[in-house]
PDB file of N, CA and C in Angstrom:
ATOM      1  N   UNK A   1       0.720  -1.551   0.385  1.00  0.00           N
ATOM      2  CA  UNK A   1      -0.182  -0.101  -0.126  1.00  0.00           C
ATOM      3  C   UNK A   1       0.944   1.391   0.268  1.00  0.00           C
ATOM      4  N   UNK A   2       2.124   1.559   0.983  1.00  0.00           N
ATOM      5  CA  UNK A   2       2.670   2.187   0.953  1.00  0.00           C
ATOM      6  C   UNK A   2       3.907   2.517  -0.179  1.00  0.00           C
ATOM      7  N   UNK A   3       3.978   0.952  -0.749  1.00  0.00           N
ATOM      8  CA  UNK A   3       4.864   1.329  -1.774  1.00  0.00           C
ATOM      9  C   UNK A   3       4.117   1.717  -3.390  1.00  0.00           C
ATOM     10  N   UNK A   4       3.065   0.984  -3.457  1.00  0.00           N
ATOM     11  CA  UNK A   4       2.074   1.893  -4.265  1.00  0.00           C
ATOM     12  C   UNK A   4       2.041   3.145  -4.265  1.00  0.00           C
ATOM     13  N   UNK A   5       1.343   3.552  -3.136  1.00  0.00           N
ATOM     14  CA  UNK A   5       1.254   5.163  -3.170  1.00  0.00           C
ATOM     15  C   UNK A   5       2.749   5.629  -3.544  1.00  0.00           C
ATOM     16  N   UNK A   6       4.059   5.367  -3.118  1.00  0.00           N
ATOM     17  CA  UNK A   6       4.549   6.050  -2.932  1.00  0.00           C
ATOM     18  C   UNK A   6       5.745   6.149  -4.457  1.00  0.00           C
ATOM     19  N   UNK A   7       5.346   4.969  -5.280  1.00  0.00           N
ATOM     20  CA  UNK A   7       5.991   4.850  -6.299  1.00  0.00           C
ATOM     21  C   UNK A   7       5.405   5.792  -8.125  1.00  0.00           C
ATOM     22  N   UNK A   8       3.786   6.410  -7.590  1.00  0.00           N
ATOM     23  CA  UNK A   8       3.640   7.465  -8.581  1.00  0.00           C
ATOM     24  C   UNK A   8       3.790   8.834  -8.171  1.00  0.00           C
ATOM     25  N   UNK A   9       3.973   8.744  -7.122  1.00  0.00           N
ATOM     26  CA  UNK A   9       4.509  10.723  -6.658  1.00  0.00           C
ATOM     27  C   UNK A   9       6.147  10.758  -6.868  1.00  0.00           C
ATOM     28  N   UNK A  10       6.424   9.335  -6.695  1.00  0.00           N
ATOM     29  CA  UNK A  10       7.754   9.876  -6.683  1.00  0.00           C
ATOM     30  C   UNK A  10       8.392   9.980  -8.351  1.00  0.00           C
ATOM     31  N   UNK A  11       8.099   9.228  -9.335  1.00  0.00           N
ATOM     32  CA  UNK A  11       8.804   8.816 -10.721  1.00  0.00           C
ATOM     33  C   UNK A  11       7.934  10.329 -11.440  1.00  0.00           C
ATOM     34  N   UNK A  12       7.067  10.691 -11.464  1.00  0.00           N
ATOM     35  CA  UNK A  12       7.231  12.285 -11.785  1.00  0.00           C
ATOM     36  C   UNK A  12       7.862  13.067 -11.667  1.00  0.00           C
ATOM     37  N   UNK A  13       7.963  13.351 -10.213  1.00  0.00           N
ATOM     38  CA  UNK A  13       9.103  14.447  -9.350  1.00  0.00           C
ATOM     39  C   UNK A  13      10.235  14.554  -9.692  1.00  0.00           C
ATOM     40  N   UNK A  14      10.357  12.825  -9.541  1.00  0.00           N
ATOM     41  CA  UNK A  14      11.933  12.844 -10.638  1.00  0.00           C
ATOM     42  C   UNK A  14      12.115  12.928 -11.570  1.00  0.00           C
ATOM     43  N   UNK A  15      11.102  12.673 -12.519  1.00  0.00           N
ATOM     44  CA  UNK A  15      11.211  12.938 -13.905  1.00  0.00           C
ATOM     45  C   UNK A  15      10.946  13.957 -13.820  1.00  0.00           C
ATOM     46  N   UNK A  16      10.563  15.181 -13.009  1.00  0.00           N
ATOM     47  CA  UNK A  16      10.506  16.336 -13.314  1.00  0.00           C
ATOM     48  C   UNK A  16      11.551  16.986 -13.173  1.00  0.00           C
ATOM     49  N   UNK A  17      12.516  16.550 -11.717  1.00  0.00           N
ATOM     50  CA  UNK A  17      13.723  17.170 -11.523  1.00  0.00           C
ATOM     51  C   UNK A  17      14.802  16.767 -12.626  1.00  0.00           C
ATOM     52  N   UNK A  18      14.731  15.549 -13.117  1.00  0.00           N
ATOM     53  CA  UNK A  18      15.896  15.593 -14.194  1.00  0.00           C
ATOM     54  C   UNK A  18      15.792  16.056 -15.645  1.00  0.00           C
ATOM     55  N   UNK A  19      14.524  16.736 -15.834  1.00  0.00           N
ATOM     56  CA  UNK A  19      14.201  17.122 -17.244  1.00  0.00           C
ATOM     57  C   UNK A  19      13.929  18.800 -17.131  1.00  0.00           C
ATOM     58  N   UNK A  20      13.422  19.102 -15.860  1.00  0.00           N
ATOM     59  CA  UNK A  20      13.303  20.592 -15.954  1.00  0.00           C
ATOM     60  C   UNK A  20      14.540  21.584 -15.458  1.00  0.00           C
ATOM     61  N   UNK A  21      14.958  21.155 -14.570  1.00  0.00           N
ATOM     62  CA  UNK A  21      16.305  22.216 -14.196  1.00  0.00           C
ATOM     63  C   UNK A  21      17.381  21.726 -15.488  1.00  0.00           C
ATOM     64  N   UNK A  22      17.459  20.824 -16.020  1.00  0.00           N
ATOM     65  CA  UNK A  22      18.380  21.031 -17.610  1.00  0.00           C
ATOM     66  C   UNK A  22      18.042  22.263 -18.626  1.00  0.00           C
ATOM     67  N   UNK A  23      17.142  21.939 -18.177  1.00  0.00           N
ATOM     68  CA  UNK A  23      16.438  23.589 -19.311  1.00  0.00           C
ATOM     69  C   UNK A  23      16.448  24.797 -19.147  1.00  0.00           C
ATOM     70  N   UNK A  24      16.374  24.880 -16.864  1.00  0.00           N
ATOM     71  CA  UNK A  24      16.332  26.219 -16.626  1.00  0.00           C
ATOM     72  C   UNK A  24      17.538  26.438 -16.679  1.00  0.00           C
ATOM     73  N   UNK A  25      18.684  25.159 -16.538  1.00  0.00           N
ATOM     74  CA  UNK A  25      20.248  25.420 -16.319  1.00  0.00           C
ATOM     75  C   UNK A  25      20.718  25.986 -17.238  1.00  0.00           C
ATOM     76  N   UNK A  26      20.162  25.606 -18.507  1.00  0.00           N
ATOM     77  CA  UNK A  26      20.246  26.097 -19.834  1.00  0.00           C
ATOM     78  C   UNK A  26      20.359  27.649 -20.098  1.00  0.00           C
ATOM     79  N   UNK A  27      19.214  27.432 -20.167  1.00  0.00           N
ATOM     80  CA  UNK A  27      18.800  28.845 -19.964  1.00  0.00           C
ATOM     81  C   UNK A  27      19.688  29.875 -18.689  1.00  0.00           C
ATOM     82  N   UNK A  28      19.490  29.396 -17.906  1.00  0.00           N
ATOM     83  CA  UNK A  28      20.761  30.279 -17.385  1.00  0.00           C
ATOM     84  C   UNK A  28      22.013  30.441 -17.724  1.00  0.00           C
ATOM     85  N   UNK A  29      22.278  29.936 -17.960  1.00  0.00           N
ATOM     86  CA  UNK A  29      23.862  29.726 -18.772  1.00  0.00           C
ATOM     87  C   UNK A  29      24.424  30.522 -19.688  1.00  0.00           C
ATOM     88  N   UNK A  30      22.632  30.599 -20.893  1.00  0.00           N
ATOM     89  CA  UNK A  30      22.982  31.527 -22.008  1.00  0.00           C
ATOM     90  C   UNK A  30      22.752  32.521 -21.367  1.00  0.00           C
ATOM     91  N   UNK A  31      22.163  33.396 -21.112  1.00  0.00           N
ATOM     92  CA  UNK A  31      21.791  34.813 -20.318  1.00  0.00           C
ATOM     93  C   UNK A  31      23.327  34.662 -19.947  1.00  0.00           C
ATOM     94  N   UNK A  32      24.161  34.265 -19.131  1.00  0.00           N
ATOM     95  CA  UNK A  32      25.110  35.075 -18.121  1.00  0.00           C
ATOM     96  C   UNK A  32      26.314  34.630 -19.782  1.00  0.00           C
ATOM     97  N   UNK A  33      26.113  34.064 -20.648  1.00  0.00           N
ATOM     98  CA  UNK A  33      26.485  33.948 -21.739  1.00  0.00           C
ATOM     99  C   UNK A  33      26.746  35.495 -22.478  1.00  0.00           C
ATOM    100  N   UNK A  34      25.558  35.770 -22.652  1.00  0.00           N
ATOM    101  CA  UNK A  34      24.882  36.336 -23.492  1.00  0.00           C
ATOM    102  C   UNK A  34      25.419  38.284 -22.577  1.00  0.00           C
ATOM    103  N   UNK A  35      24.900  37.641 -21.022  1.00  0.00           N
ATOM    104  CA  UNK A  35      25.607  39.130 -20.387  1.00  0.00           C
ATOM    105  C   UNK A  35      26.884  39.150 -20.487  1.00  0.00           C
ATOM    106  N   UNK A  36      27.601  38.362 -20.289  1.00  0.00           N
ATOM    107  CA  UNK A  36      28.979  38.464 -20.703  1.00  0.00           C
ATOM    108  C   UNK A  36      29.476  38.818 -21.844  1.00  0.00           C
ATOM    109  N   UNK A  37      28.708  38.468 -23.250  1.00  0.00           N
ATOM    110  CA  UNK A  37      29.190  38.891 -24.187  1.00  0.00           C
ATOM    111  C   UNK A  37      28.457  40.432 -24.240  1.00  0.00           C
ATOM    112  N   UNK A  38      27.892  40.848 -23.850  1.00  0.00           N
ATOM    113  CA  UNK A  38      27.232  42.190 -23.799  1.00  0.00           C
ATOM    114  C   UNK A  38      28.056  43.081 -22.945  1.00  0.00           C
ATOM    115  N   UNK A  39      28.302  42.577 -21.935  1.00  0.00           N
ATOM    116  CA  UNK A  39      28.776  43.867 -21.167  1.00  0.00           C
ATOM    117  C   UNK A  39      31.041  43.916 -21.852  1.00  0.00           C
ATOM    118  N   UNK A  40      31.330  42.604 -22.579  1.00  0.00           N
ATOM    119  CA  UNK A  40      32.151  43.199 -23.193  1.00  0.00           C
ATOM    120  C   UNK A  40      32.255  43.939 -24.503  1.00  0.00           C
ATOM    121  N   UNK A  41      31.069  43.478 -25.067  1.00  0.00           N
ATOM    122  CA  UNK A  41      31.092  44.815 -26.101  1.00  0.00           C
ATOM    123  C   UNK A  41      31.307  46.230 -25.506  1.00  0.00           C
ATOM    124  N   UNK A  42      30.953  46.354 -24.981  1.00  0.00           N
ATOM    125  CA  UNK A  42      30.008  47.469 -24.124  1.00  0.00           C
ATOM    126  C   UNK A  42      31.840  48.298 -23.434  1.00  0.00           C
ATOM    127  N   UNK A  43      32.869  47.093 -23.190  1.00  0.00           N
ATOM    128  CA  UNK A  43      33.479  47.631 -22.672  1.00  0.00           C
ATOM    129  C   UNK A  43      34.911  47.945 -23.364  1.00  0.00           C
ATOM    130  N   UNK A  44      34.609  46.975 -24.423  1.00  0.00           N
ATOM    131  CA  UNK A  44      35.236  46.991 -26.252  1.00  0.00           C
ATOM    132  C   UNK A  44      35.371  48.777 -26.817  1.00  0.00           C
ATOM    133  N   UNK A  45      33.713  48.787 -26.421  1.00  0.00           N
ATOM    134  CA  UNK A  45      33.444  50.421 -26.960  1.00  0.00           C
ATOM    135  C   UNK A  45      34.267  51.158 -26.180  1.00  0.00           C
ATOM    136  N   UNK A  46      33.583  51.122 -24.824  1.00  0.00           N
ATOM    137  CA  UNK A  46      34.176  52.075 -23.929  1.00  0.00           C
ATOM    138  C   UNK A  46      35.551  52.393 -24.158  1.00  0.00           C
ATOM    139  N   UNK A  47      35.936  51.212 -24.689  1.00  0.00           N
ATOM    140  CA  UNK A  47      38.270  51.505 -24.299  1.00  0.00           C
ATOM    141  C   UNK A  47      38.347  52.171 -25.965  1.00  0.00           C
ATOM    142  N   UNK A  48      37.205  52.089 -26.948  1.00  0.00           N
ATOM    143  CA  UNK A  48      37.962  51.913 -28.216  1.00  0.00           C
ATOM    144  C   UNK A  48      37.314  53.846 -28.343  1.00  0.00           C
ATOM    145  N   UNK A  49      35.920  53.917 -27.316  1.00  0.00           N
ATOM    146  CA  UNK A  49      35.974  55.423 -27.093  1.00  0.00           C
ATOM    147  C   UNK A  49      37.422  56.218 -26.534  1.00  0.00           C
ATOM    148  N   UNK A  50      37.644  55.768 -25.439  1.00  0.00           N
ATOM    149  CA  UNK A  50      38.570  56.615 -25.159  1.00  0.00           C
ATOM    150  C   UNK A  50      39.801  56.655 -25.552  1.00  0.00           C
ATOM    151  N   UNK A  51      40.066  55.113 -26.201  1.00  0.00           N
ATOM    152  CA  UNK A  51      41.503  55.934 -26.939  1.00  0.00           C
ATOM    153  C   UNK A  51      41.281  56.693 -28.168  1.00  0.00           C
ATOM    154  N   UNK A  52      40.410  56.637 -28.374  1.00  0.00           N
ATOM    155  CA  UNK A  52      39.497  57.476 -29.760  1.00  0.00           C
ATOM    156  C   UNK A  52      39.898  59.000 -29.013  1.00  0.00           C
ATOM    157  N   UNK A  53      39.456  59.260 -27.942  1.00  0.00           N
ATOM    158  CA  UNK A  53      39.343  60.808 -27.040  1.00  0.00           C
ATOM    159  C   UNK A  53      40.752  60.754 -26.804  1.00  0.00           C
ATOM    160  N   UNK A  54      41.643  60.284 -26.530  1.00  0.00           N
ATOM    161  CA  UNK A  54      42.954  60.338 -26.182  1.00  0.00           C
ATOM    162  C   UNK A  54      44.302  60.875 -26.992  1.00  0.00           C
ATOM    163  N   UNK A  55      44.141  59.494 -28.460  1.00  0.00           N
ATOM    164  CA  UNK A  55      44.424  60.142 -29.927  1.00  0.00           C
ATOM    165  C   UNK A  55      43.701  61.716 -30.202  1.00  0.00           C
ATOM    166  N   UNK A  56      42.958  61.792 -29.915  1.00  0.00           N
ATOM    167  CA  UNK A  56      42.242  63.668 -30.516  1.00  0.00           C
ATOM    168  C   UNK A  56      43.074  63.996 -29.538  1.00  0.00           C
ATOM    169  N   UNK A  57      43.010  64.021 -28.311  1.00  0.00           N
ATOM    170  CA  UNK A  57      43.646  65.118 -27.470  1.00  0.00           C
ATOM    171  C   UNK A  57      44.556  65.188 -27.780  1.00  0.00           C
ATOM    172  N   UNK A  58      45.693  64.185 -28.095  1.00  0.00           N
ATOM    173  CA  UNK A  58      47.070  63.973 -27.938  1.00  0.00           C
ATOM    174  C   UNK A  58      47.807  64.870 -29.111  1.00  0.00           C
ATOM    175  N   UNK A  59      46.958  63.954 -30.604  1.00  0.00           N
ATOM    176  CA  UNK A  59      47.470  64.531 -31.705  1.00  0.00           C
ATOM    177  C   UNK A  59      47.654  66.419 -31.964  1.00  0.00           C
ATOM    178  N   UNK A  60      46.052  66.743 -31.365  1.00  0.00           N
ATOM    179  CA  UNK A  60      46.449  68.419 -31.851  1.00  0.00           C
ATOM    180  C   UNK A  60      47.383  69.088 -30.684  1.00  0.00           C
TER     181      UNK A  60
END
């Protein structure tokens, strides 16, 4: 009786735990990768802007 009542509740929960966090973890990793790429592009643009400003101020 207890075994029959625990098996149907245990297997879908374990199946959800096996399938769901992998997708959410992939979304989380993708979000982190996109955030770091965007941040690095912003830093790259800021560095290019600073170098352009320093070159323009040093040159004349």
